[in-house]
Amino acid sequence: MLGDREFGSFKLAYWLCQKQVKFILMVKQGRYIQSENSDYIRLSDLGLLPGTSFYLSDVKVTKQKGFGTFDIAGYWRRKYRVKQEDEDWYLLTNGT
């Protein structure tokens, strides 16, 4: 299942996992994540720049308890033909 930011709910993601549905949901850059043995950090503070991307596995994606871990991908398209995308994308997924 694919969903844009309006569907970027961690409750929905958790429910889809319980139903064994693979998904990719776009989430807002103001969301917090936590990797193992680190503090919570906003997605926007990860330093994503035009032309870069990242993939993080098994991260907590909310400060609320009981949701488990998910994978997060970040992507910001590089400048192409003098056009620069205005913002980056953060994608929540439950697998590859």
PDB file of N, CA and C in Angstrom:
ATOM      1  N   MET A   1       0.838  -1.154   0.000  1.00  0.00           N
ATOM      2  CA  MET A   1       0.000   0.000   0.000  1.00  0.00           C
ATOM      3  C   MET A   1       0.895   1.232   0.000  1.00  0.00           C
ATOM      4  N   LEU A   2       0.519   2.228  -0.764  1.00  0.00           N
ATOM      5  CA  LEU A   2       1.225   3.499  -0.796  1.00  0.00           C
ATOM      6  C   LEU A   2       0.318   4.584  -0.241  1.00  0.00           C
ATOM      7  N   GLY A   3       0.879   5.489   0.558  1.00  0.00           N
ATOM      8  CA  GLY A   3       0.085   6.578   1.111  1.00  0.00           C
ATOM      9  C   GLY A   3       0.893   7.849   1.218  1.00  0.00           C
ATOM     10  N   ASP A   4       0.259   8.982   0.920  1.00  0.00           N
ATOM     11  CA  ASP A   4       0.961  10.250   1.069  1.00  0.00           C
ATOM     12  C   ASP A   4       0.830  10.753   2.499  1.00  0.00           C
ATOM     13  N   ARG A   5       1.238  11.985   2.752  1.00  0.00           N
ATOM     14  CA  ARG A   5       1.337  12.495   4.117  1.00  0.00           C
ATOM     15  C   ARG A   5       0.033  12.443   4.904  1.00  0.00           C
ATOM     16  N   GLU A   6      -1.101  12.530   4.223  1.00  0.00           N
ATOM     17  CA  GLU A   6      -2.375  12.464   4.935  1.00  0.00           C
ATOM     18  C   GLU A   6      -2.590  11.096   5.577  1.00  0.00           C
ATOM     19  N   PHE A   7      -1.896  10.078   5.060  1.00  0.00           N
ATOM     20  CA  PHE A   7      -2.016   8.722   5.591  1.00  0.00           C
ATOM     21  C   PHE A   7      -0.794   8.319   6.408  1.00  0.00           C
ATOM     22  N   GLY A   8       0.077   9.262   6.715  1.00  0.00           N
ATOM     23  CA  GLY A   8       1.325   8.983   7.426  1.00  0.00           C
ATOM     24  C   GLY A   8       1.145   8.813   8.925  1.00  0.00           C
ATOM     25  N   SER A   9       0.194   8.006   9.324  1.00  0.00           N
ATOM     26  CA  SER A   9      -0.104   7.769  10.735  1.00  0.00           C
ATOM     27  C   SER A   9       0.608   6.512  11.216  1.00  0.00           C
ATOM     28  N   PHE A  10       1.218   6.598  12.390  1.00  0.00           N
ATOM     29  CA  PHE A  10       1.883   5.423  12.938  1.00  0.00           C
ATOM     30  C   PHE A  10       0.871   4.387  13.408  1.00  0.00           C
ATOM     31  N   LYS A  11      -0.298   4.838  13.797  1.00  0.00           N
ATOM     32  CA  LYS A  11      -1.353   3.894  14.166  1.00  0.00           C
ATOM     33  C   LYS A  11      -1.771   3.079  12.946  1.00  0.00           C
ATOM     34  N   LEU A  12      -1.894   3.734  11.793  1.00  0.00           N
ATOM     35  CA  LEU A  12      -2.212   3.023  10.558  1.00  0.00           C
ATOM     36  C   LEU A  12      -1.089   2.057  10.205  1.00  0.00           C
ATOM     37  N   ALA A  13       0.156   2.494  10.329  1.00  0.00           N
ATOM     38  CA  ALA A  13       1.300   1.642  10.028  1.00  0.00           C
ATOM     39  C   ALA A  13       1.303   0.401  10.919  1.00  0.00           C
ATOM     40  N   TYR A  14       1.049   0.588  12.188  1.00  0.00           N
ATOM     41  CA  TYR A  14       1.012  -0.532  13.125  1.00  0.00           C
ATOM     42  C   TYR A  14      -0.107  -1.500  12.758  1.00  0.00           C
ATOM     43  N   TRP A  15      -1.282  -0.970  12.422  1.00  0.00           N
ATOM     44  CA  TRP A  15      -2.427  -1.800  12.044  1.00  0.00           C
ATOM     45  C   TRP A  15      -2.118  -2.585  10.764  1.00  0.00           C
ATOM     46  N   LEU A  16      -1.489  -1.931   9.783  1.00  0.00           N
ATOM     47  CA  LEU A  16      -1.124  -2.616   8.542  1.00  0.00           C
ATOM     48  C   LEU A  16      -0.137  -3.750   8.813  1.00  0.00           C
ATOM     49  N   CYS A  17       0.793  -3.536   9.733  1.00  0.00           N
ATOM     50  CA  CYS A  17       1.727  -4.605  10.115  1.00  0.00           C
ATOM     51  C   CYS A  17       0.988  -5.792  10.711  1.00  0.00           C
ATOM     52  N   GLN A  18       0.028  -5.516  11.566  1.00  0.00           N
ATOM     53  CA  GLN A  18      -0.759  -6.591  12.171  1.00  0.00           C
ATOM     54  C   GLN A  18      -1.523  -7.385  11.115  1.00  0.00           C
ATOM     55  N   LYS A  19      -1.935  -6.717  10.051  1.00  0.00           N
ATOM     56  CA  LYS A  19      -2.665  -7.368   8.952  1.00  0.00           C
ATOM     57  C   LYS A  19      -1.719  -7.945   7.908  1.00  0.00           C
ATOM     58  N   GLN A  20      -0.422  -7.832   8.139  1.00  0.00           N
ATOM     59  CA  GLN A  20       0.636  -8.322   7.265  1.00  0.00           C
ATOM     60  C   GLN A  20       0.567  -7.715   5.865  1.00  0.00           C
ATOM     61  N   VAL A  21       0.307  -6.412   5.837  1.00  0.00           N
ATOM     62  CA  VAL A  21       0.261  -5.660   4.585  1.00  0.00           C
ATOM     63  C   VAL A  21       1.555  -4.851   4.456  1.00  0.00           C
ATOM     64  N   LYS A  22       2.244  -4.994   3.344  1.00  0.00           N
ATOM     65  CA  LYS A  22       3.442  -4.189   3.082  1.00  0.00           C
ATOM     66  C   LYS A  22       3.002  -2.778   2.719  1.00  0.00           C
ATOM     67  N   PHE A  23       3.731  -1.781   3.196  1.00  0.00           N
ATOM     68  CA  PHE A  23       3.331  -0.406   2.946  1.00  0.00           C
ATOM     69  C   PHE A  23       4.523   0.521   2.851  1.00  0.00           C
ATOM     70  N   ILE A  24       4.272   1.663   2.222  1.00  0.00           N
ATOM     71  CA  ILE A  24       5.177   2.812   2.227  1.00  0.00           C
ATOM     72  C   ILE A  24       4.286   4.023   2.429  1.00  0.00           C
ATOM     73  N   LEU A  25       4.524   4.743   3.517  1.00  0.00           N
ATOM     74  CA  LEU A  25       3.731   5.922   3.844  1.00  0.00           C
ATOM     75  C   LEU A  25       4.655   7.121   3.958  1.00  0.00           C
ATOM     76  N   MET A  26       4.302   8.205   3.320  1.00  0.00           N
ATOM     77  CA  MET A  26       5.068   9.433   3.453  1.00  0.00           C
ATOM     78  C   MET A  26       4.747  10.047   4.809  1.00  0.00           C
ATOM     79  N   VAL A  27       5.774  10.499   5.529  1.00  0.00           N
ATOM     80  CA  VAL A  27       5.571  11.128   6.835  1.00  0.00           C
ATOM     81  C   VAL A  27       6.164  12.527   6.827  1.00  0.00           C
ATOM     82  N   LYS A  28       5.688  13.348   7.733  1.00  0.00           N
ATOM     83  CA  LYS A  28       6.151  14.731   7.821  1.00  0.00           C
ATOM     84  C   LYS A  28       7.539  14.794   8.459  1.00  0.00           C
ATOM     85  N   GLN A  29       8.293  15.791   8.058  1.00  0.00           N
ATOM     86  CA  GLN A  29       9.670  15.932   8.531  1.00  0.00           C
ATOM     87  C   GLN A  29       9.777  16.317   9.994  1.00  0.00           C
ATOM     88  N   GLY A  30       8.682  16.695  10.627  1.00  0.00           N
ATOM     89  CA  GLY A  30       8.704  17.051  12.038  1.00  0.00           C
ATOM     90  C   GLY A  30       8.580  15.866  12.974  1.00  0.00           C
ATOM     91  N   ARG A  31       8.432  14.665  12.425  1.00  0.00           N
ATOM     92  CA  ARG A  31       8.311  13.456  13.246  1.00  0.00           C
ATOM     93  C   ARG A  31       9.637  13.113  13.907  1.00  0.00           C
ATOM     94  N   TYR A  32       9.537  12.481  15.061  1.00  0.00           N
ATOM     95  CA  TYR A  32      10.722  12.044  15.796  1.00  0.00           C
ATOM     96  C   TYR A  32      11.003  10.572  15.529  1.00  0.00           C
ATOM     97  N   ILE A  33      12.287  10.230  15.477  1.00  0.00           N
ATOM     98  CA  ILE A  33      12.703   8.833  15.392  1.00  0.00           C
ATOM     99  C   ILE A  33      13.779   8.594  16.436  1.00  0.00           C
ATOM    100  N   GLN A  34      13.975   7.312  16.751  1.00  0.00           N
ATOM    101  CA  GLN A  34      15.029   6.949  17.701  1.00  0.00           C
ATOM    102  C   GLN A  34      15.668   5.654  17.249  1.00  0.00           C
ATOM    103  N   SER A  35      16.959   5.717  16.961  1.00  0.00           N
ATOM    104  CA  SER A  35      17.726   4.516  16.660  1.00  0.00           C
ATOM    105  C   SER A  35      18.138   3.878  17.977  1.00  0.00           C
ATOM    106  N   GLU A  36      18.567   2.650  17.915  1.00  0.00           N
ATOM    107  CA  GLU A  36      18.990   1.940  19.124  1.00  0.00           C
ATOM    108  C   GLU A  36      20.117   2.698  19.828  1.00  0.00           C
ATOM    109  N   ASN A  37      19.992   2.854  21.130  1.00  0.00           N
ATOM    110  CA  ASN A  37      20.992   3.511  21.983  1.00  0.00           C
ATOM    111  C   ASN A  37      21.258   4.971  21.613  1.00  0.00           C
ATOM    112  N   SER A  38      20.244   5.684  21.164  1.00  0.00           N
ATOM    113  CA  SER A  38      20.425   7.107  20.872  1.00  0.00           C
ATOM    114  C   SER A  38      19.191   7.882  21.323  1.00  0.00           C
ATOM    115  N   ASP A  39      19.293   9.191  21.320  1.00  0.00           N
ATOM    116  CA  ASP A  39      18.175  10.045  21.690  1.00  0.00           C
ATOM    117  C   ASP A  39      17.231  10.214  20.505  1.00  0.00           C
ATOM    118  N   TYR A  40      16.015  10.688  20.802  1.00  0.00           N
ATOM    119  CA  TYR A  40      15.074  11.012  19.737  1.00  0.00           C
ATOM    120  C   TYR A  40      15.588  12.206  18.946  1.00  0.00           C
ATOM    121  N   ILE A  41      15.346  12.184  17.643  1.00  0.00           N
ATOM    122  CA  ILE A  41      15.742  13.274  16.763  1.00  0.00           C
ATOM    123  C   ILE A  41      14.644  13.471  15.715  1.00  0.00           C
ATOM    124  N   ARG A  42      14.428  14.727  15.345  1.00  0.00           N
ATOM    125  CA  ARG A  42      13.458  15.012  14.283  1.00  0.00           C
ATOM    126  C   ARG A  42      14.051  14.592  12.938  1.00  0.00           C
ATOM    127  N   LEU A  43      13.188  14.116  12.061  1.00  0.00           N
ATOM    128  CA  LEU A  43      13.654  13.763  10.723  1.00  0.00           C
ATOM    129  C   LEU A  43      14.323  14.944  10.046  1.00  0.00           C
ATOM    130  N   SER A  44      13.774  16.143  10.237  1.00  0.00           N
ATOM    131  CA  SER A  44      14.333  17.338   9.595  1.00  0.00           C
ATOM    132  C   SER A  44      15.744  17.661  10.091  1.00  0.00           C
ATOM    133  N   ASP A  45      16.134  17.131  11.229  1.00  0.00           N
ATOM    134  CA  ASP A  45      17.465  17.395  11.782  1.00  0.00           C
ATOM    135  C   ASP A  45      18.523  16.388  11.318  1.00  0.00           C
ATOM    136  N   LEU A  46      18.158  15.468  10.432  1.00  0.00           N
ATOM    137  CA  LEU A  46      19.113  14.471   9.955  1.00  0.00           C
ATOM    138  C   LEU A  46      20.044  15.016   8.873  1.00  0.00           C
ATOM    139  N   GLY A  47      19.791  16.233   8.417  1.00  0.00           N
ATOM    140  CA  GLY A  47      20.717  16.873   7.480  1.00  0.00           C
ATOM    141  C   GLY A  47      20.600  16.408   6.043  1.00  0.00           C
ATOM    142  N   LEU A  48      19.420  15.989   5.634  1.00  0.00           N
ATOM    143  CA  LEU A  48      19.222  15.573   4.248  1.00  0.00           C
ATOM    144  C   LEU A  48      19.354  16.778   3.326  1.00  0.00           C
ATOM    145  N   LEU A  49      20.162  16.643   2.282  1.00  0.00           N
ATOM    146  CA  LEU A  49      20.430  17.717   1.321  1.00  0.00           C
ATOM    147  C   LEU A  49      20.026  17.275  -0.078  1.00  0.00           C
ATOM    148  N   PRO A  50      19.798  18.226  -0.992  1.00  0.00           N
ATOM    149  CA  PRO A  50      19.462  17.852  -2.365  1.00  0.00           C
ATOM    150  C   PRO A  50      20.492  16.886  -2.948  1.00  0.00           C
ATOM    151  N   GLY A  51      20.010  15.825  -3.572  1.00  0.00           N
ATOM    152  CA  GLY A  51      20.888  14.825  -4.179  1.00  0.00           C
ATOM    153  C   GLY A  51      21.325  13.724  -3.234  1.00  0.00           C
ATOM    154  N   THR A  52      20.768  13.679  -2.012  1.00  0.00           N
ATOM    155  CA  THR A  52      21.165  12.651  -1.049  1.00  0.00           C
ATOM    156  C   THR A  52      19.965  11.811  -0.625  1.00  0.00           C
ATOM    157  N   SER A  53      20.263  10.684  -0.015  1.00  0.00           N
ATOM    158  CA  SER A  53      19.228   9.792   0.501  1.00  0.00           C
ATOM    159  C   SER A  53      19.808   8.975   1.644  1.00  0.00           C
ATOM    160  N   PHE A  54      18.939   8.304   2.388  1.00  0.00           N
ATOM    161  CA  PHE A  54      19.372   7.397   3.453  1.00  0.00           C
ATOM    162  C   PHE A  54      18.285   6.355   3.686  1.00  0.00           C
ATOM    163  N   TYR A  55      18.663   5.271   4.352  1.00  0.00           N
ATOM    164  CA  TYR A  55      17.719   4.220   4.744  1.00  0.00           C
ATOM    165  C   TYR A  55      18.116   3.752   6.136  1.00  0.00           C
ATOM    166  N   LEU A  56      17.193   3.848   7.082  1.00  0.00           N
ATOM    167  CA  LEU A  56      17.444   3.425   8.455  1.00  0.00           C
ATOM    168  C   LEU A  56      16.511   2.270   8.797  1.00  0.00           C
ATOM    169  N   SER A  57      17.058   1.204   9.316  1.00  0.00           N
ATOM    170  CA  SER A  57      16.263   0.028   9.680  1.00  0.00           C
ATOM    171  C   SER A  57      16.004  -0.016  11.174  1.00  0.00           C
ATOM    172  N   ASP A  58      14.863  -0.574  11.530  1.00  0.00           N
ATOM    173  CA  ASP A  58      14.505  -0.850  12.931  1.00  0.00           C
ATOM    174  C   ASP A  58      14.640   0.368  13.840  1.00  0.00           C
ATOM    175  N   VAL A  59      13.945   1.435  13.507  1.00  0.00           N
ATOM    176  CA  VAL A  59      13.937   2.625  14.347  1.00  0.00           C
ATOM    177  C   VAL A  59      12.551   2.843  14.932  1.00  0.00           C
ATOM    178  N   LYS A  60      12.529   3.392  16.140  1.00  0.00           N
ATOM    179  CA  LYS A  60      11.265   3.827  16.722  1.00  0.00           C
ATOM    180  C   LYS A  60      10.863   5.091  15.992  1.00  0.00           C
ATOM    181  N   VAL A  61       9.595   5.212  15.644  1.00  0.00           N
ATOM    182  CA  VAL A  61       9.176   6.348  14.844  1.00  0.00           C
ATOM    183  C   VAL A  61       8.175   7.247  15.560  1.00  0.00           C
ATOM    184  N   THR A  62       8.009   7.034  16.830  1.00  0.00           N
ATOM    185  CA  THR A  62       7.158   7.894  17.637  1.00  0.00           C
ATOM    186  C   THR A  62       7.577   7.767  19.093  1.00  0.00           C
ATOM    187  N   LYS A  63       7.302   8.789  19.879  1.00  0.00           N
ATOM    188  CA  LYS A  63       7.616   8.726  21.300  1.00  0.00           C
ATOM    189  C   LYS A  63       6.573   7.926  22.072  1.00  0.00           C
ATOM    190  N   GLN A  64       5.450   7.616  21.432  1.00  0.00           N
ATOM    191  CA  GLN A  64       4.417   6.805  22.074  1.00  0.00           C
ATOM    192  C   GLN A  64       4.894   5.364  22.171  1.00  0.00           C
ATOM    193  N   LYS A  65       4.525   4.700  23.237  1.00  0.00           N
ATOM    194  CA  LYS A  65       4.938   3.311  23.452  1.00  0.00           C
ATOM    195  C   LYS A  65       3.986   2.348  22.745  1.00  0.00           C
ATOM    196  N   GLY A  66       4.506   1.165  22.406  1.00  0.00           N
ATOM    197  CA  GLY A  66       3.675   0.096  21.893  1.00  0.00           C
ATOM    198  C   GLY A  66       3.561  -0.026  20.388  1.00  0.00           C
ATOM    199  N   PHE A  67       4.347   0.755  19.632  1.00  0.00           N
ATOM    200  CA  PHE A  67       4.221   0.696  18.181  1.00  0.00           C
ATOM    201  C   PHE A  67       5.325  -0.109  17.507  1.00  0.00           C
ATOM    202  N   GLY A  68       6.332  -0.532  18.226  1.00  0.00           N
ATOM    203  CA  GLY A  68       7.401  -1.302  17.623  1.00  0.00           C
ATOM    204  C   GLY A  68       8.325  -0.437  16.785  1.00  0.00           C
ATOM    205  N   THR A  69       9.046  -1.083  15.868  1.00  0.00           N
ATOM    206  CA  THR A  69      10.000  -0.375  15.027  1.00  0.00           C
ATOM    207  C   THR A  69       9.623  -0.517  13.554  1.00  0.00           C
ATOM    208  N   PHE A  70      10.090   0.433  12.779  1.00  0.00           N
ATOM    209  CA  PHE A  70       9.847   0.458  11.342  1.00  0.00           C
ATOM    210  C   PHE A  70      11.140   0.871  10.653  1.00  0.00           C
ATOM    211  N   ASP A  71      11.111   0.916   9.336  1.00  0.00           N
ATOM    212  CA  ASP A  71      12.228   1.434   8.553  1.00  0.00           C
ATOM    213  C   ASP A  71      11.837   2.814   8.032  1.00  0.00           C
ATOM    214  N   ILE A  72      12.827   3.689   7.913  1.00  0.00           N
ATOM    215  CA  ILE A  72      12.616   5.045   7.401  1.00  0.00           C
ATOM    216  C   ILE A  72      13.598   5.291   6.258  1.00  0.00           C
ATOM    217  N   ALA A  73      13.083   5.798   5.156  1.00  0.00           N
ATOM    218  CA  ALA A  73      13.930   6.209   4.040  1.00  0.00           C
ATOM    219  C   ALA A  73      13.768   7.707   3.856  1.00  0.00           C
ATOM    220  N   GLY A  74      14.853   8.376   3.532  1.00  0.00           N
ATOM    221  CA  GLY A  74      14.827   9.800   3.231  1.00  0.00           C
ATOM    222  C   GLY A  74      15.400  10.027   1.854  1.00  0.00           C
ATOM    223  N   TYR A  75      14.804  10.943   1.116  1.00  0.00           N
ATOM    224  CA  TYR A  75      15.251  11.204  -0.250  1.00  0.00           C
ATOM    225  C   TYR A  75      14.981  12.657  -0.610  1.00  0.00           C
ATOM    226  N   TRP A  76      15.942  13.306  -1.218  1.00  0.00           N
ATOM    227  CA  TRP A  76      15.753  14.646  -1.753  1.00  0.00           C
ATOM    228  C   TRP A  76      16.366  14.654  -3.141  1.00  0.00           C
ATOM    229  N   ARG A  77      15.518  14.831  -4.122  1.00  0.00           N
ATOM    230  CA  ARG A  77      15.954  14.787  -5.510  1.00  0.00           C
ATOM    231  C   ARG A  77      16.984  15.879  -5.775  1.00  0.00           C
ATOM    232  N   ARG A  78      17.975  15.530  -6.565  1.00  0.00           N
ATOM    233  CA  ARG A  78      19.018  16.500  -6.903  1.00  0.00           C
ATOM    234  C   ARG A  78      18.478  17.525  -7.902  1.00  0.00           C
ATOM    235  N   LYS A  79      19.182  18.605  -8.034  1.00  0.00           N
ATOM    236  CA  LYS A  79      18.822  19.635  -9.007  1.00  0.00           C
ATOM    237  C   LYS A  79      18.919  19.024 -10.403  1.00  0.00           C
ATOM    238  N   TYR A  80      17.884  19.233 -11.187  1.00  0.00           N
ATOM    239  CA  TYR A  80      17.842  18.635 -12.520  1.00  0.00           C
ATOM    240  C   TYR A  80      17.305  19.665 -13.503  1.00  0.00           C
ATOM    241  N   ARG A  81      18.089  19.969 -14.510  1.00  0.00           N
ATOM    242  CA  ARG A  81      17.705  20.958 -15.523  1.00  0.00           C
ATOM    243  C   ARG A  81      17.267  22.280 -14.895  1.00  0.00           C
ATOM    244  N   VAL A  82      18.053  22.767 -14.008  1.00  0.00           N
ATOM    245  CA  VAL A  82      17.875  24.047 -13.324  1.00  0.00           C
ATOM    246  C   VAL A  82      16.674  24.031 -12.367  1.00  0.00           C
ATOM    247  N   LYS A  83      15.988  22.934 -12.236  1.00  0.00           N
ATOM    248  CA  LYS A  83      14.852  22.859 -11.317  1.00  0.00           C
ATOM    249  C   LYS A  83      15.270  22.125 -10.049  1.00  0.00           C
ATOM    250  N   GLN A  84      14.962  22.727  -8.912  1.00  0.00           N
ATOM    251  CA  GLN A  84      15.258  22.120  -7.614  1.00  0.00           C
ATOM    252  C   GLN A  84      13.965  21.842  -6.882  1.00  0.00           C
ATOM    253  N   GLU A  85      13.787  20.620  -6.398  1.00  0.00           N
ATOM    254  CA  GLU A  85      12.617  20.281  -5.603  1.00  0.00           C
ATOM    255  C   GLU A  85      12.634  21.100  -4.323  1.00  0.00           C
ATOM    256  N   ASP A  86      11.469  21.522  -3.876  1.00  0.00           N
ATOM    257  CA  ASP A  86      11.366  22.380  -2.702  1.00  0.00           C
ATOM    258  C   ASP A  86      11.601  21.655  -1.388  1.00  0.00           C
ATOM    259  N   GLU A  87      11.289  20.374  -1.351  1.00  0.00           N
ATOM    260  CA  GLU A  87      11.420  19.676  -0.072  1.00  0.00           C
ATOM    261  C   GLU A  87      11.824  18.227  -0.258  1.00  0.00           C
ATOM    262  N   ASP A  88      12.214  17.644   0.859  1.00  0.00           N
ATOM    263  CA  ASP A  88      12.648  16.257   0.896  1.00  0.00           C
ATOM    264  C   ASP A  88      11.463  15.343   1.205  1.00  0.00           C
ATOM    265  N   TRP A  89      11.669  14.051   0.996  1.00  0.00           N
ATOM    266  CA  TRP A  89      10.654  13.041   1.287  1.00  0.00           C
ATOM    267  C   TRP A  89      11.153  12.141   2.398  1.00  0.00           C
ATOM    268  N   TYR A  90      10.262  11.793   3.309  1.00  0.00           N
ATOM    269  CA  TYR A  90      10.555  10.806   4.358  1.00  0.00           C
ATOM    270  C   TYR A  90       9.492   9.731   4.245  1.00  0.00           C
ATOM    271  N   LEU A  91       9.937   8.487   4.098  1.00  0.00           N
ATOM    272  CA  LEU A  91       9.041   7.372   3.843  1.00  0.00           C
ATOM    273  C   LEU A  91       9.146   6.339   4.954  1.00  0.00           C
ATOM    274  N   LEU A  92       8.013   5.959   5.482  1.00  0.00           N
ATOM    275  CA  LEU A  92       7.899   4.952   6.541  1.00  0.00           C
ATOM    276  C   LEU A  92       7.516   3.640   5.866  1.00  0.00           C
ATOM    277  N   THR A  93       8.210   2.558   6.182  1.00  0.00           N
ATOM    278  CA  THR A  93       7.907   1.274   5.561  1.00  0.00           C
ATOM    279  C   THR A  93       8.127   0.123   6.548  1.00  0.00           C
ATOM    280  N   ASN A  94       7.526  -1.002   6.227  1.00  0.00           N
ATOM    281  CA  ASN A  94       7.701  -2.182   7.057  1.00  0.00           C
ATOM    282  C   ASN A  94       8.474  -3.273   6.331  1.00  0.00           C
ATOM    283  N   GLY A  95       9.258  -2.901   5.384  1.00  0.00           N
ATOM    284  CA  GLY A  95      10.103  -3.900   4.740  1.00  0.00           C
ATOM    285  C   GLY A  95      10.529  -3.492   3.366  1.00  0.00           C
ATOM    286  N   THR A  96      11.424  -4.274   2.834  1.00  0.00           N
ATOM    287  CA  THR A  96      11.970  -3.978   1.521  1.00  0.00           C
ATOM    288  C   THR A  96      11.247  -4.719   0.439  1.00  0.00           C
TER     289      THR A  96
END
